[in-house]
């Protein structure tokens, strides 16, 4: 499973990229607004940090203006992925952009039917929002399973399932078990993946025992 980080804060991206475990980045208008910076500057800086896909979302909702904004975003760097909404105009734009060689992330997916359309439109990624479904009493993980099951039936589909709106490590583990290709995580959740109280307890015991030996590992 590939890990993307869902943020527009370049300090966090630098820190996570240094681990060697980061495969890409996703942003959206809300994250850009929180950064307080201009979108073109933010995306350019992120693309320079991370060589993998960097999702930059259009703000337009009609076909012509989606393409107009996508043209601007595509000029930033070769690893920019154009993020479009899962609407009729967004899907039409996805078809055009993917046919033109662009990576496209179709976002705000809440049903398997929508995911099927995105794959037919040539999306590079489909972003089902598991946390938001959980918030309204639906099962976000069920949607991931449905999409993965459908895509496996059609080898011609090249769309990767990008699990979005992740709230905790369980979302990641369950998605990985179902065969989702990518998860995009807030920085805090990505850091939680490495944490376990027994790891901390065991390490503390090892270090205490090592100190008693009075040894040092030196060349």
N, C-alpha and C. Protein backbone atom coordinates (compact mmCIF):
# COMPACT_ATOMS: atom_id res chain seq x y z
N UNK A 1 0.84 -1.19 0.00
CA UNK A 1 0.00 0.00 0.00
C UNK A 1 0.88 1.25 0.00
N UNK A 2 0.50 2.20 -0.84
CA UNK A 2 1.23 3.47 -0.87
C UNK A 2 0.62 4.43 0.15
N UNK A 3 1.50 5.23 0.76
CA UNK A 3 1.07 6.22 1.73
C UNK A 3 1.25 7.63 1.17
N UNK A 4 0.16 8.37 1.11
CA UNK A 4 0.19 9.79 0.80
C UNK A 4 -0.13 10.53 2.10
N UNK A 5 0.36 11.76 2.23
CA UNK A 5 0.00 12.56 3.39
C UNK A 5 -0.98 13.64 2.93
N UNK A 6 -1.99 13.86 3.71
CA UNK A 6 -3.07 14.79 3.36
C UNK A 6 -2.86 16.10 4.11
N UNK A 7 -2.10 16.99 3.51
CA UNK A 7 -1.78 18.26 4.15
C UNK A 7 -1.18 19.23 3.13
N UNK A 8 -1.23 20.52 3.46
CA UNK A 8 -0.55 21.53 2.65
C UNK A 8 0.56 22.19 3.45
N UNK A 9 0.85 21.64 4.63
CA UNK A 9 1.91 22.19 5.48
C UNK A 9 3.25 21.56 5.08
N UNK A 10 4.10 22.35 4.45
CA UNK A 10 5.35 21.80 3.91
C UNK A 10 6.32 21.34 5.00
N UNK A 11 6.22 21.91 6.19
CA UNK A 11 7.08 21.46 7.28
C UNK A 11 6.79 19.99 7.60
N UNK A 12 5.51 19.63 7.70
CA UNK A 12 5.12 18.24 7.96
C UNK A 12 5.56 17.33 6.82
N UNK A 13 5.42 17.82 5.59
CA UNK A 13 5.79 17.01 4.42
C UNK A 13 7.29 16.74 4.41
N UNK A 14 8.10 17.76 4.70
CA UNK A 14 9.55 17.57 4.80
C UNK A 14 9.89 16.48 5.82
N UNK A 15 9.26 16.55 6.98
CA UNK A 15 9.54 15.61 8.06
C UNK A 15 9.18 14.18 7.67
N UNK A 16 8.02 13.99 7.06
CA UNK A 16 7.58 12.66 6.68
C UNK A 16 8.35 12.12 5.47
N UNK A 17 8.69 13.01 4.54
CA UNK A 17 9.46 12.58 3.37
C UNK A 17 10.83 12.06 3.78
N UNK A 18 11.38 12.62 4.85
CA UNK A 18 12.70 12.19 5.32
C UNK A 18 12.71 10.76 5.81
N UNK A 19 11.54 10.20 6.14
CA UNK A 19 11.47 8.81 6.59
C UNK A 19 11.63 7.83 5.45
N UNK A 20 11.43 8.29 4.23
CA UNK A 20 11.49 7.40 3.07
C UNK A 20 10.23 6.59 2.88
N UNK A 21 9.20 6.85 3.67
CA UNK A 21 7.96 6.06 3.62
C UNK A 21 6.81 6.78 2.94
N UNK A 22 7.07 7.99 2.45
CA UNK A 22 6.02 8.81 1.87
C UNK A 22 6.04 8.68 0.35
N UNK A 23 4.89 8.35 -0.23
CA UNK A 23 4.81 8.12 -1.67
C UNK A 23 4.16 9.27 -2.44
N UNK A 24 3.45 10.14 -1.75
CA UNK A 24 2.77 11.23 -2.44
C UNK A 24 2.07 12.14 -1.45
N UNK A 25 1.36 13.14 -1.98
CA UNK A 25 0.68 14.14 -1.15
C UNK A 25 -0.67 14.46 -1.78
N UNK A 26 -1.66 14.67 -0.93
CA UNK A 26 -2.94 15.18 -1.40
C UNK A 26 -3.24 16.50 -0.71
N UNK A 27 -3.82 17.42 -1.45
CA UNK A 27 -4.28 18.69 -0.88
C UNK A 27 -5.71 18.92 -1.33
N UNK A 28 -6.35 19.90 -0.73
CA UNK A 28 -7.68 20.32 -1.15
C UNK A 28 -7.85 21.79 -0.79
N UNK A 29 -8.91 22.43 -1.25
CA UNK A 29 -9.07 23.86 -0.97
C UNK A 29 -9.05 24.21 0.51
N UNK A 30 -9.60 23.34 1.36
CA UNK A 30 -9.60 23.61 2.80
C UNK A 30 -8.18 23.62 3.35
N UNK A 31 -7.37 22.65 2.94
CA UNK A 31 -5.98 22.58 3.42
C UNK A 31 -5.16 23.76 2.91
N UNK A 32 -5.40 24.17 1.67
CA UNK A 32 -4.70 25.33 1.12
C UNK A 32 -5.08 26.58 1.91
N UNK A 33 -6.37 26.71 2.22
CA UNK A 33 -6.83 27.88 3.00
C UNK A 33 -6.18 27.91 4.37
N UNK A 34 -6.05 26.75 5.02
CA UNK A 34 -5.42 26.68 6.34
C UNK A 34 -3.95 27.08 6.29
N UNK A 35 -3.31 26.80 5.17
CA UNK A 35 -1.88 27.14 5.04
C UNK A 35 -1.65 28.64 4.97
N UNK A 36 -2.67 29.37 4.49
CA UNK A 36 -2.55 30.82 4.37
C UNK A 36 -1.67 31.26 3.22
N UNK A 37 -1.38 30.36 2.30
CA UNK A 37 -0.48 30.66 1.20
C UNK A 37 -1.19 30.53 -0.15
N UNK A 38 -0.53 30.98 -1.22
CA UNK A 38 -1.08 30.86 -2.57
C UNK A 38 -0.91 29.43 -3.07
N UNK A 39 -1.95 28.91 -3.69
CA UNK A 39 -1.95 27.51 -4.10
C UNK A 39 -0.79 27.17 -5.03
N UNK A 40 -0.48 28.04 -5.98
CA UNK A 40 0.59 27.71 -6.93
C UNK A 40 1.94 27.60 -6.22
N UNK A 41 2.17 28.46 -5.23
CA UNK A 41 3.42 28.41 -4.48
C UNK A 41 3.50 27.13 -3.63
N UNK A 42 2.38 26.79 -2.99
CA UNK A 42 2.35 25.61 -2.12
C UNK A 42 2.59 24.34 -2.94
N UNK A 43 1.86 24.20 -4.04
CA UNK A 43 1.98 22.98 -4.85
C UNK A 43 3.39 22.87 -5.43
N UNK A 44 3.96 23.98 -5.88
CA UNK A 44 5.32 23.94 -6.43
C UNK A 44 6.32 23.48 -5.38
N UNK A 45 6.18 23.99 -4.17
CA UNK A 45 7.11 23.59 -3.10
C UNK A 45 6.94 22.11 -2.76
N UNK A 46 5.70 21.65 -2.67
CA UNK A 46 5.46 20.24 -2.35
C UNK A 46 6.03 19.33 -3.44
N UNK A 47 5.83 19.70 -4.69
CA UNK A 47 6.33 18.89 -5.80
C UNK A 47 7.85 18.79 -5.80
N UNK A 48 8.49 19.80 -5.26
CA UNK A 48 9.95 19.78 -5.18
C UNK A 48 10.44 18.88 -4.04
N UNK A 49 9.57 18.65 -3.05
CA UNK A 49 9.93 17.81 -1.90
C UNK A 49 9.66 16.34 -2.20
N UNK A 50 8.50 16.07 -2.81
CA UNK A 50 8.04 14.70 -3.02
C UNK A 50 7.97 14.41 -4.52
N UNK A 51 8.70 13.40 -5.00
CA UNK A 51 8.67 13.09 -6.43
C UNK A 51 7.41 12.36 -6.88
N UNK A 52 6.65 11.80 -5.92
CA UNK A 52 5.44 11.08 -6.27
C UNK A 52 4.29 12.01 -6.57
N UNK A 53 3.09 11.45 -6.82
CA UNK A 53 1.92 12.26 -7.18
C UNK A 53 1.55 13.28 -6.10
N UNK A 54 1.27 14.49 -6.54
CA UNK A 54 0.83 15.57 -5.64
C UNK A 54 -0.51 16.08 -6.16
N UNK A 55 -1.57 15.81 -5.43
CA UNK A 55 -2.91 16.21 -5.88
C UNK A 55 -3.17 17.69 -5.61
N UNK A 56 -3.52 18.39 -6.67
CA UNK A 56 -3.90 19.81 -6.59
C UNK A 56 -5.32 19.92 -7.12
N UNK A 57 -6.23 20.41 -6.29
CA UNK A 57 -7.65 20.40 -6.64
C UNK A 57 -8.10 21.67 -7.34
N UNK A 58 -8.88 21.50 -8.39
CA UNK A 58 -9.49 22.65 -9.05
C UNK A 58 -10.60 23.21 -8.17
N UNK A 59 -10.87 24.50 -8.35
CA UNK A 59 -11.97 25.12 -7.62
C UNK A 59 -13.21 25.26 -8.49
N UNK A 60 -13.02 25.15 -9.81
CA UNK A 60 -14.14 25.27 -10.74
C UNK A 60 -15.01 24.02 -10.69
N UNK A 61 -16.26 24.19 -11.09
CA UNK A 61 -17.19 23.06 -11.11
C UNK A 61 -17.75 22.77 -12.51
N UNK A 62 -17.56 23.69 -13.45
CA UNK A 62 -18.03 23.45 -14.82
C UNK A 62 -16.87 22.99 -15.69
N UNK A 63 -17.20 22.22 -16.71
CA UNK A 63 -16.20 21.55 -17.55
C UNK A 63 -15.12 22.49 -18.09
N UNK A 64 -15.55 23.58 -18.72
CA UNK A 64 -14.58 24.47 -19.37
C UNK A 64 -13.61 25.07 -18.35
N UNK A 65 -14.13 25.51 -17.22
CA UNK A 65 -13.26 26.14 -16.23
C UNK A 65 -12.41 25.12 -15.47
N UNK A 66 -12.91 23.90 -15.33
CA UNK A 66 -12.07 22.85 -14.75
C UNK A 66 -10.83 22.66 -15.62
N UNK A 67 -11.04 22.57 -16.92
CA UNK A 67 -9.90 22.39 -17.83
C UNK A 67 -8.98 23.60 -17.83
N UNK A 68 -9.56 24.79 -17.70
CA UNK A 68 -8.74 26.00 -17.68
C UNK A 68 -7.85 26.01 -16.43
N UNK A 69 -8.40 25.67 -15.29
CA UNK A 69 -7.60 25.64 -14.06
C UNK A 69 -6.60 24.48 -14.08
N UNK A 70 -7.02 23.35 -14.65
CA UNK A 70 -6.11 22.21 -14.74
C UNK A 70 -4.89 22.54 -15.58
N UNK A 71 -5.07 23.33 -16.62
CA UNK A 71 -3.95 23.72 -17.47
C UNK A 71 -2.91 24.50 -16.67
N UNK A 72 -3.39 25.38 -15.80
CA UNK A 72 -2.48 26.16 -14.96
C UNK A 72 -1.75 25.26 -13.96
N UNK A 73 -2.49 24.36 -13.33
CA UNK A 73 -1.89 23.48 -12.33
C UNK A 73 -0.90 22.50 -12.95
N UNK A 74 -1.18 22.02 -14.14
CA UNK A 74 -0.29 21.06 -14.79
C UNK A 74 1.06 21.67 -15.15
N UNK A 75 1.08 22.98 -15.30
CA UNK A 75 2.35 23.65 -15.64
C UNK A 75 3.33 23.68 -14.47
N UNK A 76 2.84 23.44 -13.26
CA UNK A 76 3.70 23.57 -12.08
C UNK A 76 4.81 22.53 -12.09
N UNK A 77 4.44 21.26 -12.30
CA UNK A 77 5.43 20.17 -12.27
C UNK A 77 4.82 18.93 -12.90
N UNK A 78 5.68 17.99 -13.30
CA UNK A 78 5.19 16.79 -13.97
C UNK A 78 4.48 15.83 -13.03
N UNK A 79 4.72 15.97 -11.72
CA UNK A 79 4.06 15.05 -10.77
C UNK A 79 2.77 15.60 -10.19
N UNK A 80 2.27 16.71 -10.73
CA UNK A 80 0.98 17.23 -10.30
C UNK A 80 -0.13 16.29 -10.77
N UNK A 81 -1.02 15.97 -9.85
CA UNK A 81 -2.22 15.19 -10.17
C UNK A 81 -3.42 16.12 -10.04
N UNK A 82 -4.20 16.23 -11.09
CA UNK A 82 -5.34 17.13 -11.07
C UNK A 82 -6.49 16.47 -10.32
N UNK A 83 -6.97 17.16 -9.32
CA UNK A 83 -8.06 16.62 -8.49
C UNK A 83 -9.37 17.27 -8.91
N UNK A 84 -10.33 16.44 -9.31
CA UNK A 84 -11.61 16.96 -9.80
C UNK A 84 -12.75 16.35 -9.00
N UNK A 85 -13.88 17.04 -8.90
CA UNK A 85 -15.02 16.50 -8.14
C UNK A 85 -15.75 15.41 -8.92
N UNK A 86 -16.37 14.50 -8.18
CA UNK A 86 -17.12 13.42 -8.81
C UNK A 86 -18.52 13.92 -9.17
N UNK A 87 -18.55 14.67 -10.26
CA UNK A 87 -19.77 15.24 -10.82
C UNK A 87 -19.74 14.95 -12.32
N UNK A 88 -20.84 15.12 -13.03
CA UNK A 88 -20.81 14.89 -14.49
C UNK A 88 -19.73 15.73 -15.18
N UNK A 89 -19.60 17.00 -14.81
CA UNK A 89 -18.56 17.83 -15.43
C UNK A 89 -17.17 17.39 -15.01
N UNK A 90 -17.05 16.97 -13.75
CA UNK A 90 -15.75 16.49 -13.28
C UNK A 90 -15.32 15.22 -13.99
N UNK A 91 -16.27 14.31 -14.21
CA UNK A 91 -15.96 13.07 -14.91
C UNK A 91 -15.62 13.33 -16.38
N UNK A 92 -16.33 14.26 -16.98
CA UNK A 92 -16.03 14.62 -18.37
C UNK A 92 -14.62 15.19 -18.47
N UNK A 93 -14.29 16.06 -17.51
CA UNK A 93 -12.94 16.63 -17.49
C UNK A 93 -11.90 15.55 -17.23
N UNK A 94 -12.22 14.60 -16.37
CA UNK A 94 -11.31 13.49 -16.09
C UNK A 94 -11.00 12.72 -17.36
N UNK A 95 -12.01 12.43 -18.13
CA UNK A 95 -11.82 11.69 -19.38
C UNK A 95 -10.89 12.44 -20.32
N UNK A 96 -11.11 13.75 -20.44
CA UNK A 96 -10.27 14.56 -21.33
C UNK A 96 -8.84 14.61 -20.81
N UNK A 97 -8.68 14.90 -19.53
CA UNK A 97 -7.34 15.08 -18.96
C UNK A 97 -6.54 13.79 -18.97
N UNK A 98 -7.19 12.68 -18.60
CA UNK A 98 -6.48 11.40 -18.59
C UNK A 98 -6.08 11.00 -20.00
N UNK A 99 -6.92 11.29 -20.97
CA UNK A 99 -6.58 11.00 -22.37
C UNK A 99 -5.43 11.86 -22.86
N UNK A 100 -5.25 13.01 -22.21
CA UNK A 100 -4.18 13.93 -22.57
C UNK A 100 -2.90 13.66 -21.78
N UNK A 101 -2.89 12.58 -20.99
CA UNK A 101 -1.68 12.19 -20.29
C UNK A 101 -1.56 12.69 -18.87
N UNK A 102 -2.58 13.36 -18.36
CA UNK A 102 -2.52 13.87 -16.99
C UNK A 102 -2.94 12.81 -15.99
N UNK A 103 -2.35 12.86 -14.79
CA UNK A 103 -2.85 12.06 -13.68
C UNK A 103 -4.06 12.78 -13.11
N UNK A 104 -5.12 12.03 -12.80
CA UNK A 104 -6.36 12.64 -12.30
C UNK A 104 -6.83 11.88 -11.06
N UNK A 105 -7.14 12.64 -10.03
CA UNK A 105 -7.71 12.10 -8.79
C UNK A 105 -9.16 12.57 -8.71
N UNK A 106 -10.09 11.63 -8.79
CA UNK A 106 -11.51 11.99 -8.70
C UNK A 106 -11.92 11.88 -7.23
N UNK A 107 -12.36 12.99 -6.68
CA UNK A 107 -12.57 13.08 -5.23
C UNK A 107 -14.04 13.17 -4.85
N UNK A 108 -14.28 13.02 -3.55
CA UNK A 108 -15.63 13.07 -2.98
C UNK A 108 -16.49 11.92 -3.49
N UNK A 109 -15.93 10.72 -3.43
CA UNK A 109 -16.65 9.52 -3.82
C UNK A 109 -17.33 8.92 -2.59
N UNK A 110 -18.63 8.63 -2.72
CA UNK A 110 -19.38 8.06 -1.60
C UNK A 110 -20.20 6.83 -1.99
N UNK A 111 -20.00 6.31 -3.20
CA UNK A 111 -20.71 5.10 -3.60
C UNK A 111 -19.89 4.31 -4.62
N UNK A 112 -20.17 3.02 -4.67
CA UNK A 112 -19.47 2.15 -5.63
C UNK A 112 -19.86 2.52 -7.06
N UNK A 113 -21.09 2.97 -7.26
CA UNK A 113 -21.53 3.38 -8.60
C UNK A 113 -20.69 4.55 -9.09
N UNK A 114 -20.42 5.52 -8.20
CA UNK A 114 -19.59 6.64 -8.58
C UNK A 114 -18.17 6.18 -8.93
N UNK A 115 -17.65 5.24 -8.15
CA UNK A 115 -16.30 4.73 -8.41
C UNK A 115 -16.21 4.03 -9.75
N UNK A 116 -17.27 3.35 -10.14
CA UNK A 116 -17.31 2.68 -11.43
C UNK A 116 -17.22 3.70 -12.56
N UNK A 117 -17.94 4.79 -12.43
CA UNK A 117 -17.90 5.85 -13.44
C UNK A 117 -16.51 6.46 -13.53
N UNK A 118 -15.87 6.68 -12.39
CA UNK A 118 -14.53 7.29 -12.39
C UNK A 118 -13.53 6.40 -13.11
N UNK A 119 -13.64 5.08 -12.89
CA UNK A 119 -12.74 4.16 -13.58
C UNK A 119 -12.96 4.20 -15.08
N UNK A 120 -14.22 4.26 -15.49
CA UNK A 120 -14.52 4.33 -16.91
C UNK A 120 -14.03 5.64 -17.53
N UNK A 121 -13.96 6.69 -16.71
CA UNK A 121 -13.46 7.98 -17.19
C UNK A 121 -11.94 8.04 -17.22
N UNK A 122 -11.28 6.96 -16.77
CA UNK A 122 -9.83 6.92 -16.83
C UNK A 122 -9.10 7.52 -15.67
N UNK A 123 -9.78 7.66 -14.52
CA UNK A 123 -9.14 8.26 -13.34
C UNK A 123 -7.89 7.48 -12.94
N UNK A 124 -6.87 8.20 -12.53
CA UNK A 124 -5.68 7.56 -11.97
C UNK A 124 -6.00 7.07 -10.56
N UNK A 125 -6.72 7.90 -9.82
CA UNK A 125 -7.11 7.58 -8.44
C UNK A 125 -8.59 7.88 -8.24
N UNK A 126 -9.24 7.07 -7.42
CA UNK A 126 -10.58 7.38 -6.93
C UNK A 126 -10.47 7.54 -5.42
N UNK A 127 -11.05 8.62 -4.89
CA UNK A 127 -10.93 8.93 -3.46
C UNK A 127 -12.25 8.76 -2.73
N UNK A 128 -12.53 7.56 -2.20
CA UNK A 128 -13.70 7.38 -1.34
C UNK A 128 -13.41 7.91 0.06
N UNK A 129 -14.37 8.63 0.64
CA UNK A 129 -14.18 9.30 1.94
C UNK A 129 -14.77 8.44 3.06
N UNK A 130 -13.94 7.60 3.65
CA UNK A 130 -14.46 6.65 4.64
C UNK A 130 -14.91 7.32 5.94
N UNK A 131 -14.14 8.29 6.43
CA UNK A 131 -14.48 8.94 7.69
C UNK A 131 -15.79 9.68 7.63
N UNK A 132 -16.04 10.34 6.52
CA UNK A 132 -17.29 11.10 6.40
C UNK A 132 -18.50 10.16 6.33
N UNK A 133 -18.33 8.99 5.74
CA UNK A 133 -19.42 8.01 5.75
C UNK A 133 -19.68 7.52 7.17
N UNK A 134 -18.59 7.22 7.89
CA UNK A 134 -18.74 6.80 9.28
C UNK A 134 -19.47 7.86 10.10
N UNK A 135 -19.19 9.13 9.81
CA UNK A 135 -19.79 10.23 10.56
C UNK A 135 -21.31 10.27 10.45
N UNK A 136 -21.84 9.78 9.32
CA UNK A 136 -23.29 9.83 9.12
C UNK A 136 -23.94 8.46 9.32
N UNK A 137 -23.21 7.56 10.01
CA UNK A 137 -23.79 6.28 10.37
C UNK A 137 -23.69 5.20 9.32
N UNK A 138 -22.91 5.44 8.26
CA UNK A 138 -22.68 4.41 7.25
C UNK A 138 -21.31 3.77 7.48
N UNK A 139 -21.04 2.67 6.78
CA UNK A 139 -19.80 1.92 6.96
C UNK A 139 -18.83 2.26 5.85
N UNK A 140 -17.85 3.11 6.16
CA UNK A 140 -16.87 3.51 5.16
C UNK A 140 -16.07 2.35 4.62
N UNK A 141 -15.75 1.40 5.50
CA UNK A 141 -14.96 0.24 5.07
C UNK A 141 -15.72 -0.64 4.08
N UNK A 142 -17.03 -0.70 4.22
CA UNK A 142 -17.84 -1.48 3.29
C UNK A 142 -17.69 -0.92 1.88
N UNK A 143 -17.64 0.40 1.76
CA UNK A 143 -17.48 1.02 0.45
C UNK A 143 -16.13 0.66 -0.17
N UNK A 144 -15.06 0.68 0.64
CA UNK A 144 -13.75 0.31 0.13
C UNK A 144 -13.77 -1.11 -0.42
N UNK A 145 -14.38 -2.02 0.31
CA UNK A 145 -14.46 -3.41 -0.14
C UNK A 145 -15.24 -3.52 -1.45
N UNK A 146 -16.35 -2.82 -1.54
CA UNK A 146 -17.16 -2.87 -2.76
C UNK A 146 -16.37 -2.39 -3.97
N UNK A 147 -15.66 -1.27 -3.80
CA UNK A 147 -14.90 -0.72 -4.93
C UNK A 147 -13.77 -1.66 -5.33
N UNK A 148 -13.03 -2.16 -4.35
CA UNK A 148 -11.93 -3.08 -4.65
C UNK A 148 -12.44 -4.33 -5.34
N UNK A 149 -13.57 -4.85 -4.88
CA UNK A 149 -14.14 -6.05 -5.49
C UNK A 149 -14.53 -5.79 -6.94
N UNK A 150 -15.14 -4.66 -7.20
CA UNK A 150 -15.56 -4.32 -8.57
C UNK A 150 -14.35 -4.15 -9.48
N UNK A 151 -13.37 -3.40 -9.03
CA UNK A 151 -12.19 -3.14 -9.87
C UNK A 151 -11.45 -4.43 -10.21
N UNK A 152 -11.44 -5.37 -9.27
CA UNK A 152 -10.73 -6.62 -9.53
C UNK A 152 -11.39 -7.44 -10.64
N UNK A 153 -12.67 -7.19 -10.89
CA UNK A 153 -13.38 -7.93 -11.94
C UNK A 153 -13.00 -7.47 -13.34
N UNK A 154 -12.38 -6.28 -13.43
CA UNK A 154 -12.11 -5.69 -14.73
C UNK A 154 -10.65 -5.26 -14.82
N UNK A 155 -9.77 -6.15 -15.29
CA UNK A 155 -8.34 -5.85 -15.37
C UNK A 155 -8.03 -4.62 -16.22
N UNK A 156 -8.95 -4.25 -17.11
CA UNK A 156 -8.71 -3.08 -17.95
C UNK A 156 -8.74 -1.78 -17.14
N UNK A 157 -9.41 -1.82 -15.98
CA UNK A 157 -9.43 -0.63 -15.12
C UNK A 157 -8.05 -0.46 -14.47
N UNK A 158 -7.49 0.70 -14.62
CA UNK A 158 -6.18 1.00 -14.03
C UNK A 158 -6.30 1.96 -12.85
N UNK A 159 -7.51 2.34 -12.50
CA UNK A 159 -7.75 3.28 -11.41
C UNK A 159 -7.36 2.66 -10.06
N UNK A 160 -6.61 3.42 -9.26
CA UNK A 160 -6.21 2.95 -7.94
C UNK A 160 -7.15 3.51 -6.87
N UNK A 161 -7.49 2.66 -5.91
CA UNK A 161 -8.36 3.08 -4.80
C UNK A 161 -7.51 3.83 -3.77
N UNK A 162 -7.83 5.11 -3.59
CA UNK A 162 -7.11 5.99 -2.68
C UNK A 162 -8.02 6.29 -1.49
N UNK A 163 -7.79 5.64 -0.39
CA UNK A 163 -8.66 5.78 0.78
C UNK A 163 -8.44 7.15 1.42
N UNK A 164 -9.50 7.94 1.50
CA UNK A 164 -9.42 9.31 2.00
C UNK A 164 -10.31 9.50 3.21
N UNK A 165 -10.19 10.66 3.85
CA UNK A 165 -10.93 10.97 5.08
C UNK A 165 -10.63 9.93 6.15
N UNK A 166 -9.34 9.62 6.27
CA UNK A 166 -8.88 8.61 7.24
C UNK A 166 -8.82 9.24 8.63
N UNK A 167 -9.37 8.54 9.62
CA UNK A 167 -9.44 9.07 10.97
C UNK A 167 -8.52 8.35 11.96
N UNK A 168 -8.12 7.11 11.64
CA UNK A 168 -7.34 6.33 12.60
C UNK A 168 -6.59 5.21 11.89
N UNK A 169 -5.62 4.57 12.57
CA UNK A 169 -4.86 3.48 11.95
C UNK A 169 -5.71 2.29 11.53
N UNK A 170 -6.84 2.05 12.21
CA UNK A 170 -7.69 0.92 11.85
C UNK A 170 -8.21 1.07 10.43
N UNK A 171 -8.54 2.30 10.02
CA UNK A 171 -8.96 2.53 8.65
C UNK A 171 -7.89 2.05 7.67
N UNK A 172 -6.63 2.28 8.01
CA UNK A 172 -5.53 1.90 7.12
C UNK A 172 -5.38 0.39 7.06
N UNK A 173 -5.36 -0.24 8.22
CA UNK A 173 -5.17 -1.70 8.27
C UNK A 173 -6.31 -2.42 7.54
N UNK A 174 -7.53 -2.01 7.80
CA UNK A 174 -8.68 -2.66 7.16
C UNK A 174 -8.65 -2.44 5.64
N UNK A 175 -8.28 -1.24 5.22
CA UNK A 175 -8.20 -0.95 3.78
C UNK A 175 -7.12 -1.77 3.11
N UNK A 176 -6.00 -1.92 3.78
CA UNK A 176 -4.90 -2.72 3.23
C UNK A 176 -5.32 -4.17 3.07
N UNK A 177 -6.06 -4.69 4.04
CA UNK A 177 -6.54 -6.08 3.98
C UNK A 177 -7.49 -6.28 2.80
N UNK A 178 -8.20 -5.22 2.42
CA UNK A 178 -9.14 -5.31 1.31
C UNK A 178 -8.48 -5.11 -0.05
N UNK A 179 -7.21 -4.67 -0.02
CA UNK A 179 -6.49 -4.49 -1.28
C UNK A 179 -6.49 -3.09 -1.83
N UNK A 180 -6.86 -2.08 -1.02
CA UNK A 180 -6.78 -0.69 -1.49
C UNK A 180 -5.33 -0.35 -1.83
N UNK A 181 -5.15 0.41 -2.89
CA UNK A 181 -3.80 0.70 -3.38
C UNK A 181 -3.09 1.80 -2.60
N UNK A 182 -3.84 2.80 -2.14
CA UNK A 182 -3.26 3.99 -1.54
C UNK A 182 -4.12 4.43 -0.36
N UNK A 183 -3.48 5.02 0.63
CA UNK A 183 -4.21 5.71 1.71
C UNK A 183 -3.60 7.08 1.86
N UNK A 184 -4.44 8.09 2.00
CA UNK A 184 -3.92 9.42 2.28
C UNK A 184 -4.28 9.78 3.72
N UNK A 185 -3.26 10.10 4.49
CA UNK A 185 -3.41 10.23 5.94
C UNK A 185 -3.04 11.63 6.41
N UNK A 186 -3.74 12.14 7.42
CA UNK A 186 -3.25 13.33 8.10
C UNK A 186 -1.90 12.99 8.74
N UNK A 187 -1.00 13.96 8.89
CA UNK A 187 0.30 13.66 9.49
C UNK A 187 0.19 12.96 10.84
N UNK A 188 -0.78 13.35 11.65
CA UNK A 188 -0.92 12.76 12.98
C UNK A 188 -1.23 11.27 12.91
N UNK A 189 -2.07 10.87 11.96
CA UNK A 189 -2.43 9.46 11.83
C UNK A 189 -1.26 8.66 11.28
N UNK A 190 -0.51 9.25 10.36
CA UNK A 190 0.65 8.54 9.81
C UNK A 190 1.66 8.24 10.91
N UNK A 191 1.84 9.17 11.83
CA UNK A 191 2.76 8.95 12.95
C UNK A 191 2.22 7.90 13.91
N UNK A 192 0.90 7.82 14.06
CA UNK A 192 0.30 6.83 14.96
C UNK A 192 0.56 5.40 14.51
N UNK A 193 0.78 5.19 13.21
CA UNK A 193 0.97 3.84 12.70
C UNK A 193 2.16 3.14 13.35
N UNK A 194 3.17 3.91 13.74
CA UNK A 194 4.37 3.31 14.33
C UNK A 194 4.29 3.17 15.84
N UNK A 195 3.21 3.65 16.42
CA UNK A 195 3.13 3.70 17.88
C UNK A 195 2.41 2.49 18.47
N UNK A 196 2.97 1.96 19.55
CA UNK A 196 2.31 0.91 20.32
C UNK A 196 2.91 0.93 21.73
N UNK A 197 2.08 0.89 22.77
CA UNK A 197 2.61 0.97 24.13
C UNK A 197 3.57 -0.15 24.47
N UNK A 198 3.38 -1.34 23.91
CA UNK A 198 4.28 -2.45 24.20
C UNK A 198 5.65 -2.25 23.55
N UNK A 199 5.67 -1.56 22.40
CA UNK A 199 6.96 -1.21 21.79
C UNK A 199 7.72 -0.26 22.71
N UNK A 200 7.03 0.75 23.23
CA UNK A 200 7.67 1.71 24.14
C UNK A 200 8.16 1.02 25.41
N UNK A 201 7.33 0.14 25.94
CA UNK A 201 7.69 -0.57 27.18
C UNK A 201 8.89 -1.48 26.96
N UNK A 202 8.88 -2.21 25.85
CA UNK A 202 9.97 -3.12 25.55
C UNK A 202 11.28 -2.40 25.32
N UNK A 203 11.21 -1.27 24.61
CA UNK A 203 12.42 -0.50 24.34
C UNK A 203 13.01 0.06 25.63
N UNK A 204 12.15 0.55 26.50
CA UNK A 204 12.64 1.09 27.79
C UNK A 204 13.36 0.01 28.59
N UNK A 205 12.82 -1.23 28.57
CA UNK A 205 13.45 -2.33 29.29
C UNK A 205 14.79 -2.70 28.68
N UNK A 206 14.86 -2.75 27.37
CA UNK A 206 16.11 -3.08 26.69
C UNK A 206 17.19 -2.05 27.01
N UNK A 207 16.82 -0.77 26.96
CA UNK A 207 17.79 0.29 27.21
C UNK A 207 18.28 0.26 28.66
N UNK A 208 17.38 -0.02 29.58
CA UNK A 208 17.77 -0.10 30.99
C UNK A 208 18.74 -1.26 31.21
N UNK A 209 18.47 -2.40 30.60
CA UNK A 209 19.35 -3.55 30.74
C UNK A 209 20.70 -3.30 30.08
N UNK A 210 20.67 -2.63 28.96
CA UNK A 210 21.93 -2.33 28.26
C UNK A 210 22.81 -1.40 29.09
N UNK A 211 22.18 -0.42 29.71
CA UNK A 211 22.94 0.54 30.53
C UNK A 211 23.66 -0.19 31.66
N UNK A 212 23.05 -1.25 32.19
CA UNK A 212 23.66 -2.01 33.29
C UNK A 212 24.94 -2.70 32.85
N UNK A 213 25.07 -3.01 31.56
CA UNK A 213 26.26 -3.72 31.10
C UNK A 213 27.48 -2.80 31.05
N UNK A 214 27.24 -1.50 30.99
CA UNK A 214 28.34 -0.55 30.89
C UNK A 214 29.05 -0.57 29.56
N UNK A 215 28.45 -1.21 28.59
CA UNK A 215 29.09 -1.31 27.27
C UNK A 215 28.69 -0.16 26.34
N UNK A 216 29.50 0.01 25.27
CA UNK A 216 29.19 0.95 24.21
C UNK A 216 29.51 0.26 22.88
N UNK A 217 28.71 0.53 21.89
CA UNK A 217 28.96 -0.03 20.56
C UNK A 217 29.70 1.01 19.74
N UNK A 218 30.99 0.82 19.61
CA UNK A 218 31.84 1.77 18.90
C UNK A 218 32.78 1.01 17.99
N UNK A 219 33.26 1.67 16.95
CA UNK A 219 34.21 1.04 16.03
C UNK A 219 35.60 1.01 16.65
